[in-house]
């Protein structure tokens, strides 16, 4: 017990503290839910990006023999860049999610 804390708390003060505790818990749950919801949406968005890229790669593979070497090289570089962008996006958002969850755990 802290020496500056009063030995007796009035009912009004106890109820006020209880209300603050409930408000903090509600806020915590809301923020946790928002962080989880954002993370789910990010994963869905990344999956959509990946799906579009996979389709483009499939089309590229089907018509690759019709392209010259320069076009093949450029296309494969673009595919690698897009894949890296998706991975970077997902990992950045994951870090944001984990930071939010870590902050709430403190």
N, C-alpha and C. Protein backbone atom coordinates (compact mmCIF):
# COMPACT_ATOMS: atom_id res chain seq x y z
N UNK A 1 0.85 -1.18 0.00
CA UNK A 1 0.00 0.00 0.00
C UNK A 1 0.89 1.23 0.00
N UNK A 2 0.59 2.16 -0.85
CA UNK A 2 1.32 3.41 -0.96
C UNK A 2 0.99 4.31 0.22
N UNK A 3 1.99 4.98 0.76
CA UNK A 3 1.79 5.83 1.94
C UNK A 3 0.92 7.06 1.64
N UNK A 4 0.87 7.47 0.38
CA UNK A 4 0.07 8.64 0.02
C UNK A 4 -1.38 8.26 -0.25
N UNK A 5 -1.66 6.94 -0.36
CA UNK A 5 -3.01 6.47 -0.64
C UNK A 5 -3.83 6.53 0.65
N UNK A 6 -5.04 7.05 0.55
CA UNK A 6 -5.85 7.15 1.77
C UNK A 6 -6.22 5.75 2.30
N UNK A 7 -6.39 5.66 3.59
CA UNK A 7 -6.76 4.40 4.21
C UNK A 7 -8.20 4.04 3.91
N UNK A 8 -9.00 5.04 3.66
CA UNK A 8 -10.43 4.82 3.43
C UNK A 8 -10.83 5.46 2.12
N UNK A 9 -11.61 4.74 1.33
CA UNK A 9 -12.14 5.30 0.08
C UNK A 9 -13.64 5.32 0.19
N UNK A 10 -14.21 6.43 -0.22
CA UNK A 10 -15.66 6.55 -0.19
C UNK A 10 -16.28 5.65 -1.26
N UNK A 11 -17.55 5.36 -1.10
CA UNK A 11 -18.27 4.55 -2.11
C UNK A 11 -18.24 5.24 -3.46
N UNK A 12 -18.36 6.57 -3.44
CA UNK A 12 -18.34 7.34 -4.68
C UNK A 12 -16.99 7.17 -5.38
N UNK A 13 -15.93 7.23 -4.62
CA UNK A 13 -14.58 7.08 -5.18
C UNK A 13 -14.38 5.65 -5.70
N UNK A 14 -14.87 4.66 -4.98
CA UNK A 14 -14.75 3.27 -5.42
C UNK A 14 -15.50 3.05 -6.73
N UNK A 15 -16.71 3.59 -6.81
CA UNK A 15 -17.50 3.43 -8.03
C UNK A 15 -16.84 4.13 -9.22
N UNK A 16 -16.26 5.30 -8.95
CA UNK A 16 -15.55 6.03 -10.00
C UNK A 16 -14.37 5.20 -10.51
N UNK A 17 -13.62 4.62 -9.61
CA UNK A 17 -12.48 3.78 -10.00
C UNK A 17 -12.94 2.55 -10.77
N UNK A 18 -14.05 1.95 -10.34
CA UNK A 18 -14.60 0.79 -11.04
C UNK A 18 -15.02 1.16 -12.46
N UNK A 19 -15.70 2.32 -12.59
CA UNK A 19 -16.12 2.79 -13.92
C UNK A 19 -14.92 3.04 -14.82
N UNK A 20 -13.87 3.64 -14.27
CA UNK A 20 -12.66 3.88 -15.07
C UNK A 20 -12.04 2.57 -15.51
N UNK A 21 -12.02 1.59 -14.61
CA UNK A 21 -11.45 0.28 -14.96
C UNK A 21 -12.26 -0.37 -16.07
N UNK A 22 -13.58 -0.29 -16.00
CA UNK A 22 -14.45 -0.86 -17.03
C UNK A 22 -14.24 -0.13 -18.35
N UNK A 23 -14.13 1.19 -18.30
CA UNK A 23 -13.90 1.97 -19.52
C UNK A 23 -12.57 1.59 -20.16
N UNK A 24 -11.52 1.44 -19.35
CA UNK A 24 -10.22 1.06 -19.89
C UNK A 24 -10.27 -0.34 -20.51
N UNK A 25 -10.95 -1.25 -19.85
CA UNK A 25 -11.06 -2.60 -20.38
C UNK A 25 -11.84 -2.61 -21.70
N UNK A 26 -12.91 -1.83 -21.76
CA UNK A 26 -13.71 -1.73 -22.98
C UNK A 26 -12.88 -1.13 -24.12
N UNK A 27 -12.14 -0.08 -23.80
CA UNK A 27 -11.27 0.55 -24.80
C UNK A 27 -10.20 -0.42 -25.28
N UNK A 28 -9.61 -1.16 -24.35
CA UNK A 28 -8.60 -2.14 -24.70
C UNK A 28 -9.17 -3.19 -25.64
N UNK A 29 -10.35 -3.73 -25.32
CA UNK A 29 -10.98 -4.74 -26.16
C UNK A 29 -11.29 -4.19 -27.55
N UNK A 30 -11.76 -2.94 -27.60
CA UNK A 30 -12.09 -2.31 -28.88
C UNK A 30 -10.84 -2.16 -29.74
N UNK A 31 -9.77 -1.65 -29.13
CA UNK A 31 -8.52 -1.46 -29.89
C UNK A 31 -7.94 -2.80 -30.34
N UNK A 32 -8.02 -3.80 -29.49
CA UNK A 32 -7.53 -5.13 -29.85
C UNK A 32 -8.34 -5.67 -31.03
N UNK A 33 -9.65 -5.52 -30.95
CA UNK A 33 -10.52 -5.98 -32.05
C UNK A 33 -10.19 -5.23 -33.35
N UNK A 34 -9.99 -3.93 -33.25
CA UNK A 34 -9.65 -3.13 -34.44
C UNK A 34 -8.33 -3.59 -35.04
N UNK A 35 -7.33 -3.86 -34.19
CA UNK A 35 -6.02 -4.31 -34.67
C UNK A 35 -6.15 -5.68 -35.34
N UNK A 36 -6.92 -6.57 -34.72
CA UNK A 36 -7.12 -7.90 -35.31
C UNK A 36 -7.87 -7.82 -36.63
N UNK A 37 -8.90 -6.97 -36.66
CA UNK A 37 -9.68 -6.81 -37.89
C UNK A 37 -8.81 -6.24 -39.02
N UNK A 38 -8.00 -5.26 -38.68
CA UNK A 38 -7.10 -4.67 -39.69
C UNK A 38 -6.15 -5.74 -40.22
N UNK A 39 -5.59 -6.56 -39.34
CA UNK A 39 -4.65 -7.59 -39.75
C UNK A 39 -5.32 -8.60 -40.68
N UNK A 40 -6.54 -8.98 -40.37
CA UNK A 40 -7.29 -9.90 -41.24
C UNK A 40 -7.50 -9.26 -42.61
N UNK A 41 -7.91 -7.99 -42.62
CA UNK A 41 -8.13 -7.29 -43.90
C UNK A 41 -6.85 -7.18 -44.71
N UNK A 42 -5.74 -6.93 -44.04
CA UNK A 42 -4.45 -6.85 -44.73
C UNK A 42 -4.12 -8.19 -45.38
N UNK A 43 -4.35 -9.28 -44.65
CA UNK A 43 -4.06 -10.60 -45.21
C UNK A 43 -4.93 -10.91 -46.42
N UNK A 44 -6.20 -10.52 -46.34
CA UNK A 44 -7.11 -10.72 -47.47
C UNK A 44 -6.64 -9.89 -48.67
N UNK A 45 -6.26 -8.66 -48.41
CA UNK A 45 -5.78 -7.78 -49.48
C UNK A 45 -4.51 -8.36 -50.13
N UNK A 46 -3.58 -8.82 -49.30
CA UNK A 46 -2.34 -9.41 -49.81
C UNK A 46 -2.64 -10.67 -50.62
N UNK A 47 -3.59 -11.46 -50.16
CA UNK A 47 -3.98 -12.66 -50.90
C UNK A 47 -4.57 -12.28 -52.27
N UNK A 48 -5.32 -11.20 -52.30
CA UNK A 48 -5.87 -10.70 -53.56
C UNK A 48 -4.77 -10.27 -54.52
N UNK A 49 -3.80 -9.52 -53.97
CA UNK A 49 -2.65 -9.11 -54.80
C UNK A 49 -1.92 -10.34 -55.35
N UNK A 50 -1.72 -11.33 -54.47
CA UNK A 50 -1.00 -12.54 -54.87
C UNK A 50 -1.78 -13.30 -55.92
N UNK A 51 -3.07 -13.34 -55.79
CA UNK A 51 -3.91 -14.03 -56.77
C UNK A 51 -3.81 -13.38 -58.15
N UNK A 52 -3.84 -12.06 -58.17
CA UNK A 52 -3.70 -11.34 -59.44
C UNK A 52 -2.33 -11.59 -60.04
N UNK A 53 -1.30 -11.56 -59.20
CA UNK A 53 0.06 -11.82 -59.69
C UNK A 53 0.17 -13.26 -60.21
N UNK A 54 -0.40 -14.21 -59.48
CA UNK A 54 -0.36 -15.61 -59.92
C UNK A 54 -1.03 -15.77 -61.29
N UNK A 55 -2.14 -15.09 -61.49
CA UNK A 55 -2.83 -15.17 -62.78
C UNK A 55 -1.96 -14.56 -63.89
N UNK A 56 -1.34 -13.43 -63.59
CA UNK A 56 -0.47 -12.79 -64.57
C UNK A 56 0.71 -13.70 -64.93
N UNK A 57 1.29 -14.35 -63.92
CA UNK A 57 2.41 -15.27 -64.16
C UNK A 57 1.94 -16.45 -65.00
N UNK A 58 0.77 -16.94 -64.72
CA UNK A 58 0.21 -18.05 -65.50
C UNK A 58 0.05 -17.64 -66.96
N UNK A 59 -0.48 -16.46 -67.19
CA UNK A 59 -0.62 -15.96 -68.57
C UNK A 59 0.73 -15.77 -69.23
N UNK A 60 1.67 -15.26 -68.48
CA UNK A 60 3.04 -15.06 -68.99
C UNK A 60 3.64 -16.40 -69.41
N UNK A 61 3.50 -17.39 -68.54
CA UNK A 61 4.08 -18.72 -68.83
C UNK A 61 3.46 -19.32 -70.09
N UNK A 62 2.17 -19.10 -70.28
CA UNK A 62 1.50 -19.64 -71.47
C UNK A 62 2.00 -19.00 -72.76
N UNK A 63 2.40 -17.74 -72.69
CA UNK A 63 2.78 -17.00 -73.90
C UNK A 63 4.27 -16.63 -73.93
N UNK A 64 5.02 -17.18 -73.04
CA UNK A 64 6.44 -16.85 -72.92
C UNK A 64 7.21 -17.14 -74.22
N UNK A 65 6.85 -18.24 -74.88
CA UNK A 65 7.58 -18.62 -76.10
C UNK A 65 7.37 -17.63 -77.24
N UNK A 66 6.39 -16.75 -77.12
CA UNK A 66 6.12 -15.76 -78.16
C UNK A 66 6.91 -14.46 -77.94
N UNK A 67 7.62 -14.35 -76.81
CA UNK A 67 8.33 -13.12 -76.45
C UNK A 67 9.82 -13.22 -76.76
N UNK A 68 10.42 -12.05 -76.99
CA UNK A 68 11.87 -12.03 -77.20
C UNK A 68 12.57 -12.01 -75.83
N UNK A 69 13.87 -12.21 -75.84
CA UNK A 69 14.65 -12.32 -74.60
C UNK A 69 14.54 -11.07 -73.72
N UNK A 70 14.58 -9.92 -74.36
CA UNK A 70 14.49 -8.66 -73.60
C UNK A 70 13.16 -8.56 -72.85
N UNK A 71 12.10 -8.92 -73.53
CA UNK A 71 10.77 -8.86 -72.93
C UNK A 71 10.64 -9.89 -71.80
N UNK A 72 11.21 -11.06 -72.00
CA UNK A 72 11.20 -12.10 -70.97
C UNK A 72 11.94 -11.61 -69.73
N UNK A 73 13.10 -11.03 -69.93
CA UNK A 73 13.90 -10.52 -68.82
C UNK A 73 13.14 -9.44 -68.06
N UNK A 74 12.57 -8.47 -68.78
CA UNK A 74 11.82 -7.39 -68.15
C UNK A 74 10.61 -7.92 -67.39
N UNK A 75 9.90 -8.86 -68.00
CA UNK A 75 8.70 -9.41 -67.37
C UNK A 75 9.07 -10.16 -66.10
N UNK A 76 10.11 -10.96 -66.13
CA UNK A 76 10.52 -11.71 -64.95
C UNK A 76 11.02 -10.78 -63.84
N UNK A 77 11.66 -9.69 -64.22
CA UNK A 77 12.06 -8.70 -63.21
C UNK A 77 10.83 -8.06 -62.56
N UNK A 78 9.84 -7.75 -63.39
CA UNK A 78 8.60 -7.15 -62.86
C UNK A 78 7.88 -8.13 -61.93
N UNK A 79 7.87 -9.39 -62.30
CA UNK A 79 7.23 -10.40 -61.45
C UNK A 79 7.93 -10.45 -60.09
N UNK A 80 9.26 -10.46 -60.10
CA UNK A 80 10.02 -10.50 -58.85
C UNK A 80 9.76 -9.24 -58.01
N UNK A 81 9.70 -8.09 -58.67
CA UNK A 81 9.42 -6.83 -57.97
C UNK A 81 8.04 -6.87 -57.31
N UNK A 82 7.04 -7.31 -58.04
CA UNK A 82 5.68 -7.36 -57.50
C UNK A 82 5.61 -8.35 -56.33
N UNK A 83 6.28 -9.48 -56.46
CA UNK A 83 6.29 -10.46 -55.37
C UNK A 83 6.94 -9.86 -54.12
N UNK A 84 8.03 -9.14 -54.33
CA UNK A 84 8.73 -8.50 -53.21
C UNK A 84 7.83 -7.42 -52.58
N UNK A 85 7.11 -6.66 -53.39
CA UNK A 85 6.20 -5.64 -52.88
C UNK A 85 5.11 -6.25 -52.01
N UNK A 86 4.57 -7.37 -52.45
CA UNK A 86 3.53 -8.05 -51.66
C UNK A 86 4.11 -8.51 -50.33
N UNK A 87 5.28 -9.12 -50.37
CA UNK A 87 5.93 -9.60 -49.14
C UNK A 87 6.25 -8.44 -48.20
N UNK A 88 6.77 -7.36 -48.74
CA UNK A 88 7.11 -6.19 -47.92
C UNK A 88 5.87 -5.60 -47.28
N UNK A 89 4.82 -5.48 -48.07
CA UNK A 89 3.54 -4.96 -47.56
C UNK A 89 3.05 -5.81 -46.39
N UNK A 90 3.04 -7.11 -46.60
CA UNK A 90 2.54 -8.02 -45.58
C UNK A 90 3.41 -7.98 -44.32
N UNK A 91 4.71 -7.97 -44.48
CA UNK A 91 5.60 -7.95 -43.32
C UNK A 91 5.52 -6.62 -42.57
N UNK A 92 5.39 -5.51 -43.28
CA UNK A 92 5.25 -4.21 -42.64
C UNK A 92 3.96 -4.16 -41.83
N UNK A 93 2.89 -4.63 -42.42
CA UNK A 93 1.61 -4.64 -41.72
C UNK A 93 1.63 -5.60 -40.54
N UNK A 94 2.34 -6.70 -40.68
CA UNK A 94 2.47 -7.64 -39.56
C UNK A 94 3.19 -6.98 -38.40
N UNK A 95 4.25 -6.23 -38.70
CA UNK A 95 4.99 -5.51 -37.65
C UNK A 95 4.08 -4.51 -36.95
N UNK A 96 3.25 -3.82 -37.71
CA UNK A 96 2.30 -2.86 -37.13
C UNK A 96 1.33 -3.58 -36.21
N UNK A 97 0.82 -4.71 -36.68
CA UNK A 97 -0.12 -5.50 -35.87
C UNK A 97 0.55 -5.98 -34.58
N UNK A 98 1.73 -6.55 -34.70
CA UNK A 98 2.42 -7.06 -33.51
C UNK A 98 2.77 -5.94 -32.53
N UNK A 99 3.14 -4.78 -33.06
CA UNK A 99 3.41 -3.64 -32.19
C UNK A 99 2.15 -3.21 -31.45
N UNK A 100 1.04 -3.18 -32.15
CA UNK A 100 -0.23 -2.80 -31.52
C UNK A 100 -0.61 -3.80 -30.43
N UNK A 101 -0.46 -5.07 -30.73
CA UNK A 101 -0.80 -6.11 -29.76
C UNK A 101 0.17 -6.08 -28.58
N UNK A 102 1.44 -5.80 -28.85
CA UNK A 102 2.44 -5.73 -27.78
C UNK A 102 2.19 -4.55 -26.87
N UNK A 103 1.78 -3.43 -27.44
CA UNK A 103 1.47 -2.24 -26.66
C UNK A 103 0.29 -2.51 -25.73
N UNK A 104 -0.69 -3.23 -26.25
CA UNK A 104 -1.86 -3.53 -25.44
C UNK A 104 -1.55 -4.57 -24.34
N UNK A 105 -0.53 -5.37 -24.57
CA UNK A 105 -0.18 -6.38 -23.58
C UNK A 105 0.57 -5.77 -22.40
N UNK A 106 1.16 -4.61 -22.61
CA UNK A 106 1.92 -3.95 -21.52
C UNK A 106 1.03 -3.42 -20.44
